[in-house]
């Protein structure tokens, strides 16, 4: 899915920064213009690739996703040529962190894409996600920031500009779809198995996070955004609470299959991983005793761009 430029007021000052986030489910391109040390987003694009499809079973990026990833890099290169870019940074996350053929992908990518691919570790991904959140809305409150990605989920507790606690766990909407919803059924059994598996991982960090505590909880990422939008579609006054998430799960189970889901404006690509994302979020609420979550439109790409601007000062 491509998103049109938000403010296409290009100039010849070459004060543009581009960030490509090579995620486990999608590639996200963000181009910003720097105005008085602030981010002005002029272009965002999202490309469904699915690097993590089947990865949990084989340890490899499958051939279709491998080829589509390279073709997507060619498309991104064309987009970048239309902007006066000063700096480009390319970040890869969970899929390329753990795939056994990552080196092959990066090697072939060098033949079609002129920018180096940097595979970052989970805690660094979490830190940059938090930086993206605070670049959008600065707050003096202690915040718990959660991101559900295709192959991993990140947890950050931060105060002001400083992240205090950073964690990345190998639970994601693509990998969990492959593990618990591969039959295409949205049964209570499949949900319970996914929730239990996610809860088992989250319990490893729960005590530390709850002891430190937080004032507000913010969610980012496509999975959480889609859950928010469906709950809002059900009732604009509804908040994202455990009760409402569990109610949504019960309603989804009534559809019996992923293909039969009716989720409003949620596209088919996001619909496919929606149950897994919902199961992971329910596990987070239960295990961390989260009472309510707000949504932040900020993302990893904005965090990387914000940091580039800081380093240029």
Protein backbone atom coordinates (compact mmCIF):
# COMPACT_ATOMS: atom_id res chain seq x y z
CA UNK A 1 0.00 0.00 0.00
CA UNK A 2 1.44 3.36 -1.00
CA UNK A 3 0.61 6.50 0.91
CA UNK A 4 0.68 9.76 -1.00
CA UNK A 5 3.04 12.53 0.07
CA UNK A 6 1.58 14.51 2.94
CA UNK A 7 3.28 17.79 2.16
CA UNK A 8 5.19 17.71 -1.07
CA UNK A 9 6.89 21.10 -0.73
CA UNK A 10 10.26 20.06 -2.13
CA UNK A 11 13.16 22.46 -2.20
CA UNK A 12 16.76 22.39 -3.39
CA UNK A 13 18.21 22.58 0.09
CA UNK A 14 18.65 18.79 0.25
CA UNK A 15 17.53 18.75 3.85
CA UNK A 16 15.59 15.53 3.36
CA UNK A 17 16.11 12.34 5.31
CA UNK A 18 14.85 8.93 4.15
CA UNK A 19 14.45 5.85 6.32
CA UNK A 20 13.56 2.38 5.05
CA UNK A 21 12.38 -0.05 7.72
CA UNK A 22 12.71 -3.61 6.41
CA UNK A 23 10.20 -5.30 8.69
CA UNK A 24 9.16 -8.92 9.02
CA UNK A 25 5.77 -8.25 7.43
CA UNK A 26 6.18 -5.04 5.41
CA UNK A 27 8.79 -2.58 4.21
CA UNK A 28 8.08 0.99 5.38
CA UNK A 29 9.61 4.00 3.63
CA UNK A 30 9.51 7.38 5.38
CA UNK A 31 10.89 10.58 3.89
CA UNK A 32 11.00 13.70 6.03
CA UNK A 33 12.05 17.28 5.47
CA UNK A 34 13.90 19.02 8.28
CA UNK A 35 12.40 22.38 9.23
CA UNK A 36 13.80 24.06 12.34
CA UNK A 37 14.91 20.68 13.73
CA UNK A 38 11.38 19.30 13.36
CA UNK A 39 10.15 16.41 11.23
CA UNK A 40 7.87 17.30 8.35
CA UNK A 41 6.75 14.00 6.78
CA UNK A 42 6.51 14.42 3.00
CA UNK A 43 6.17 10.80 1.93
CA UNK A 44 5.25 7.45 3.43
CA UNK A 45 4.98 4.13 1.60
CA UNK A 46 4.20 0.64 2.83
CA UNK A 47 5.00 -2.49 0.83
CA UNK A 48 3.71 -5.91 1.92
CA UNK A 49 6.58 -8.41 1.50
CA UNK A 50 6.20 -11.05 4.21
CA UNK A 51 9.84 -11.89 4.91
CA UNK A 52 8.75 -13.82 8.01
CA UNK A 53 6.23 -16.04 6.18
CA UNK A 54 7.28 -19.60 6.97
CA UNK A 55 10.45 -18.45 8.68
CA UNK A 56 9.55 -20.06 12.01
CA UNK A 57 9.29 -23.47 10.32
CA UNK A 58 12.28 -23.40 7.97
CA UNK A 59 14.64 -20.78 9.35
CA UNK A 60 14.78 -19.29 5.85
CA UNK A 61 13.20 -16.40 3.98
CA UNK A 62 11.09 -18.29 1.46
CA UNK A 63 11.88 -17.86 -2.27
CA UNK A 64 8.74 -15.81 -3.05
CA UNK A 65 9.36 -13.34 -0.22
CA UNK A 66 13.06 -13.23 -1.09
CA UNK A 67 12.30 -12.23 -4.70
CA UNK A 68 9.53 -9.81 -3.70
CA UNK A 69 11.91 -8.17 -1.20
CA UNK A 70 14.45 -7.50 -3.95
CA UNK A 71 11.75 -6.17 -6.30
CA UNK A 72 10.50 -3.90 -3.52
CA UNK A 73 13.99 -2.48 -3.01
CA UNK A 74 14.05 -1.59 -6.72
CA UNK A 75 10.75 0.27 -6.29
CA UNK A 76 12.05 2.13 -3.23
CA UNK A 77 15.15 3.16 -5.19
CA UNK A 78 12.93 4.75 -7.85
CA UNK A 79 10.94 6.65 -5.21
CA UNK A 80 14.10 7.97 -3.57
CA UNK A 81 15.35 9.30 -6.91
CA UNK A 82 12.39 11.73 -6.97
CA UNK A 83 13.44 13.53 -3.79
CA UNK A 84 16.50 15.66 -2.91
CA UNK A 85 17.71 13.21 -0.26
CA UNK A 86 20.61 14.16 1.97
CA UNK A 87 20.72 11.04 4.16
CA UNK A 88 19.34 7.51 3.70
CA UNK A 89 19.36 4.90 6.44
CA UNK A 90 18.08 1.35 5.94
CA UNK A 91 17.13 -0.66 9.04
CA UNK A 92 16.25 -4.37 9.10
CA UNK A 93 14.57 -6.04 12.06
CA UNK A 94 13.49 -9.49 13.27
CA UNK A 95 13.21 -11.44 10.01
CA UNK A 96 16.74 -10.58 8.91
CA UNK A 97 18.00 -10.91 12.50
CA UNK A 98 17.18 -14.61 12.57
CA UNK A 99 16.97 -15.92 8.98
CA UNK A 100 19.73 -18.30 7.97
CA UNK A 101 19.87 -16.76 4.48
CA UNK A 102 20.12 -13.13 5.58
CA UNK A 103 23.63 -12.77 4.13
CA UNK A 104 22.38 -14.05 0.77
CA UNK A 105 19.54 -11.51 0.77
CA UNK A 106 21.81 -8.60 1.68
CA UNK A 107 24.37 -9.68 -0.91
CA UNK A 108 21.79 -9.77 -3.70
CA UNK A 109 20.23 -6.54 -2.46
CA UNK A 110 23.54 -4.78 -3.07
CA UNK A 111 23.11 -5.48 -6.78
CA UNK A 112 19.80 -3.61 -7.04
CA UNK A 113 19.84 -1.13 -4.17
CA UNK A 114 22.68 1.36 -3.56
CA UNK A 115 22.24 1.80 0.20
CA UNK A 116 23.67 -0.48 2.92
CA UNK A 117 21.24 -2.56 4.98
CA UNK A 118 21.82 -2.42 8.73
CA UNK A 119 20.41 -5.30 10.75
CA UNK A 120 19.70 -3.99 14.25
CA UNK A 121 19.19 -5.92 17.47
CA UNK A 122 15.87 -6.03 19.31
CA UNK A 123 16.76 -3.60 22.09
CA UNK A 124 17.98 -1.09 19.53
CA UNK A 125 14.71 -1.48 17.64
CA UNK A 126 12.82 -0.82 20.88
CA UNK A 127 14.91 2.29 21.60
CA UNK A 128 14.26 3.73 18.14
CA UNK A 129 10.53 3.04 18.40
CA UNK A 130 10.46 4.97 21.68
CA UNK A 131 12.39 7.80 20.04
CA UNK A 132 9.75 7.91 17.31
CA UNK A 133 6.97 8.22 19.90
CA UNK A 134 8.60 11.08 21.78
CA UNK A 135 9.50 12.86 18.52
CA UNK A 136 5.77 13.10 17.85
CA UNK A 137 4.46 14.03 21.30
CA UNK A 138 6.86 14.77 24.14
CA UNK A 139 5.56 13.83 27.58
CA UNK A 140 6.97 14.05 31.10
CA UNK A 141 4.88 11.07 32.15
CA UNK A 142 6.41 7.63 32.53
CA UNK A 143 5.27 5.76 29.42
CA UNK A 144 5.03 2.10 28.51
CA UNK A 145 5.38 1.86 24.73
CA UNK A 146 4.52 -1.41 22.99
CA UNK A 147 4.98 -2.35 19.34
CA UNK A 148 3.72 -5.61 17.79
CA UNK A 149 5.67 -6.38 14.64
CA UNK A 150 5.60 -9.27 12.21
CA UNK A 151 8.31 -11.28 13.96
CA UNK A 152 8.89 -9.58 17.29
CA UNK A 153 7.31 -7.27 19.83
CA UNK A 154 9.08 -4.44 21.61
CA UNK A 155 8.47 -3.09 25.11
CA UNK A 156 9.86 0.19 26.42
CA UNK A 157 9.37 2.09 29.65
CA UNK A 158 10.66 5.63 29.30
CA UNK A 159 10.51 8.99 31.05
CA UNK A 160 10.77 12.07 28.90
CA UNK A 161 13.56 11.62 26.38
CA UNK A 162 15.13 8.65 28.16
CA UNK A 163 14.15 5.00 27.76
CA UNK A 164 14.64 3.23 31.10
CA UNK A 165 13.82 -0.36 30.18
CA UNK A 166 14.06 -1.97 26.74
CA UNK A 167 13.00 -5.46 25.68
CA UNK A 168 12.33 -7.31 22.43
CA UNK A 169 10.53 -10.67 22.46
CA UNK A 170 10.16 -13.12 19.59
CA UNK A 171 6.37 -12.87 19.38
CA UNK A 172 4.92 -11.32 16.22
CA UNK A 173 1.73 -11.33 14.19
CA UNK A 174 3.26 -13.14 11.19
CA UNK A 175 5.13 -15.80 13.15
CA UNK A 176 2.10 -16.41 15.38
CA UNK A 177 -0.19 -16.65 12.36
CA UNK A 178 2.07 -19.37 10.98
CA UNK A 179 2.19 -21.18 14.33
CA UNK A 180 -1.38 -20.90 15.62
CA UNK A 181 -3.66 -19.84 12.76
CA UNK A 182 -2.08 -21.68 9.83
CA UNK A 183 -5.31 -23.63 9.29
CA UNK A 184 -7.16 -20.36 8.69
CA UNK A 185 -9.52 -21.01 11.58
CA UNK A 186 -10.28 -18.46 14.30
CA UNK A 187 -11.33 -20.96 16.93
CA UNK A 188 -11.19 -20.49 20.68
CA UNK A 189 -8.56 -23.23 20.80
CA UNK A 190 -6.29 -21.42 18.35
CA UNK A 191 -6.71 -18.16 20.25
CA UNK A 192 -6.00 -19.79 23.61
CA UNK A 193 -2.88 -21.51 22.29
CA UNK A 194 -1.56 -18.23 20.87
CA UNK A 195 -2.38 -16.28 24.04
CA UNK A 196 -0.71 -18.92 26.20
CA UNK A 197 2.46 -18.93 24.09
CA UNK A 198 2.70 -15.13 24.13
CA UNK A 199 1.98 -14.99 27.86
CA UNK A 200 4.78 -17.48 28.55
CA UNK A 201 7.28 -15.16 26.84
CA UNK A 202 5.93 -11.98 28.44
CA UNK A 203 6.04 -13.50 31.95
CA UNK A 204 9.84 -13.39 31.68
CA UNK A 205 9.74 -9.59 31.81
CA UNK A 206 6.45 -8.93 33.62
CA UNK A 207 7.76 -8.57 37.17
CA UNK A 208 10.51 -6.14 36.18
CA UNK A 209 8.15 -3.97 34.14
CA UNK A 210 5.40 -3.91 36.75
CA UNK A 211 7.87 -3.03 39.51
CA UNK A 212 9.16 -0.03 37.55
CA UNK A 213 5.60 0.96 36.59
CA UNK A 214 4.19 3.55 34.20
CA UNK A 215 1.62 6.34 34.00
CA UNK A 216 0.33 5.76 30.46
CA UNK A 217 0.53 2.95 27.94
CA UNK A 218 0.93 3.64 24.22
CA UNK A 219 0.69 1.15 21.37
CA UNK A 220 2.27 1.52 17.92
CA UNK A 221 2.46 -0.60 14.75
CA UNK A 222 -0.01 -1.77 12.12
CA UNK A 223 -1.39 -4.62 14.24
CA UNK A 224 -2.29 -2.37 17.14
CA UNK A 225 -3.61 0.36 14.83
CA UNK A 226 -5.96 -2.14 13.15
CA UNK A 227 -7.24 -3.38 16.53
CA UNK A 228 -7.91 0.20 17.60
CA UNK A 229 -9.77 0.94 14.36
CA UNK A 230 -12.01 -2.14 14.69
CA UNK A 231 -12.88 -1.32 18.31
CA UNK A 232 -13.65 2.26 17.29
CA UNK A 233 -15.82 0.97 14.44
CA UNK A 234 -17.79 -1.07 16.98
CA UNK A 235 -18.31 1.95 19.23
CA UNK A 236 -16.44 5.26 18.97
CA UNK A 237 -16.65 5.69 22.74
CA UNK A 238 -15.05 2.34 23.50
CA UNK A 239 -11.56 2.31 24.99
CA UNK A 240 -8.91 -0.32 24.37
CA UNK A 241 -9.18 -2.33 27.57
CA UNK A 242 -8.81 -6.03 28.31
CA UNK A 243 -12.58 -6.42 28.49
CA UNK A 244 -13.07 -4.88 25.06
CA UNK A 245 -10.23 -6.91 23.54
CA UNK A 246 -11.72 -10.13 24.88
CA UNK A 247 -15.16 -9.09 23.61
CA UNK A 248 -13.65 -8.50 20.19
CA UNK A 249 -12.03 -11.94 20.30
CA UNK A 250 -15.41 -13.56 21.04
CA UNK A 251 -17.01 -11.72 18.12
CA UNK A 252 -14.21 -12.73 15.76
CA UNK A 253 -14.51 -16.40 16.75
CA UNK A 254 -18.10 -16.32 15.49
CA UNK A 255 -16.77 -15.84 11.93
CA UNK A 256 -14.91 -19.18 12.28
CA UNK A 257 -12.37 -18.47 9.52
CA UNK A 258 -9.91 -15.68 8.73
CA UNK A 259 -11.24 -15.35 5.19
CA UNK A 260 -14.76 -14.70 6.50
CA UNK A 261 -13.75 -11.88 8.85
CA UNK A 262 -15.52 -8.55 8.35
CA UNK A 263 -13.26 -5.86 9.74
CA UNK A 264 -14.43 -2.70 8.05
CA UNK A 265 -11.61 -0.87 6.26
CA UNK A 266 -8.92 -3.38 7.31
CA UNK A 267 -7.33 -4.68 4.11
CA UNK A 268 -6.95 -8.38 3.31
CA UNK A 269 -3.22 -8.39 4.06
CA UNK A 270 -3.75 -7.04 7.57
CA UNK A 271 -6.86 -9.21 8.03
CA UNK A 272 -4.73 -12.34 7.60
CA UNK A 273 -2.59 -11.53 10.66
CA UNK A 274 -5.31 -9.76 12.68
CA UNK A 275 -6.24 -12.70 14.98
CA UNK A 276 -2.61 -13.33 15.90
CA UNK A 277 -2.03 -9.66 16.68
CA UNK A 278 -5.17 -9.60 18.82
CA UNK A 279 -4.07 -12.73 20.72
CA UNK A 280 -0.66 -11.18 21.43
CA UNK A 281 -2.22 -7.93 22.64
CA UNK A 282 -4.60 -9.80 24.95
CA UNK A 283 -1.61 -11.66 26.40
CA UNK A 284 0.15 -8.35 26.97
CA UNK A 285 -2.83 -6.85 28.79
CA UNK A 286 -3.31 -9.92 30.96
CA UNK A 287 0.33 -10.55 31.83
CA UNK A 288 1.42 -6.94 32.38
CA UNK A 289 -1.92 -5.95 33.98
CA UNK A 290 -2.45 -3.10 31.51
CA UNK A 291 -5.69 -1.25 32.20
CA UNK A 292 -5.93 0.93 29.09
CA UNK A 293 -3.90 1.69 25.97
CA UNK A 294 -3.72 4.73 23.71
CA UNK A 295 -2.48 4.66 20.11
CA UNK A 296 0.55 6.52 18.73
CA UNK A 297 1.03 7.00 14.99
CA UNK A 298 4.79 7.25 15.49
CA UNK A 299 7.01 4.43 14.28
CA UNK A 300 10.55 3.15 13.94
CA UNK A 301 11.19 5.20 10.80
CA UNK A 302 10.34 8.45 12.54
CA UNK A 303 12.60 7.49 15.43
CA UNK A 304 15.52 6.87 13.09
CA UNK A 305 14.90 10.16 11.26
CA UNK A 306 14.66 12.05 14.54
CA UNK A 307 17.99 10.61 15.66
CA UNK A 308 19.65 11.56 12.37
CA UNK A 309 18.50 15.14 12.91
CA UNK A 310 19.86 15.12 16.48
CA UNK A 311 23.28 13.96 15.28
CA UNK A 312 23.38 16.69 12.65
CA UNK A 313 23.08 19.41 15.30
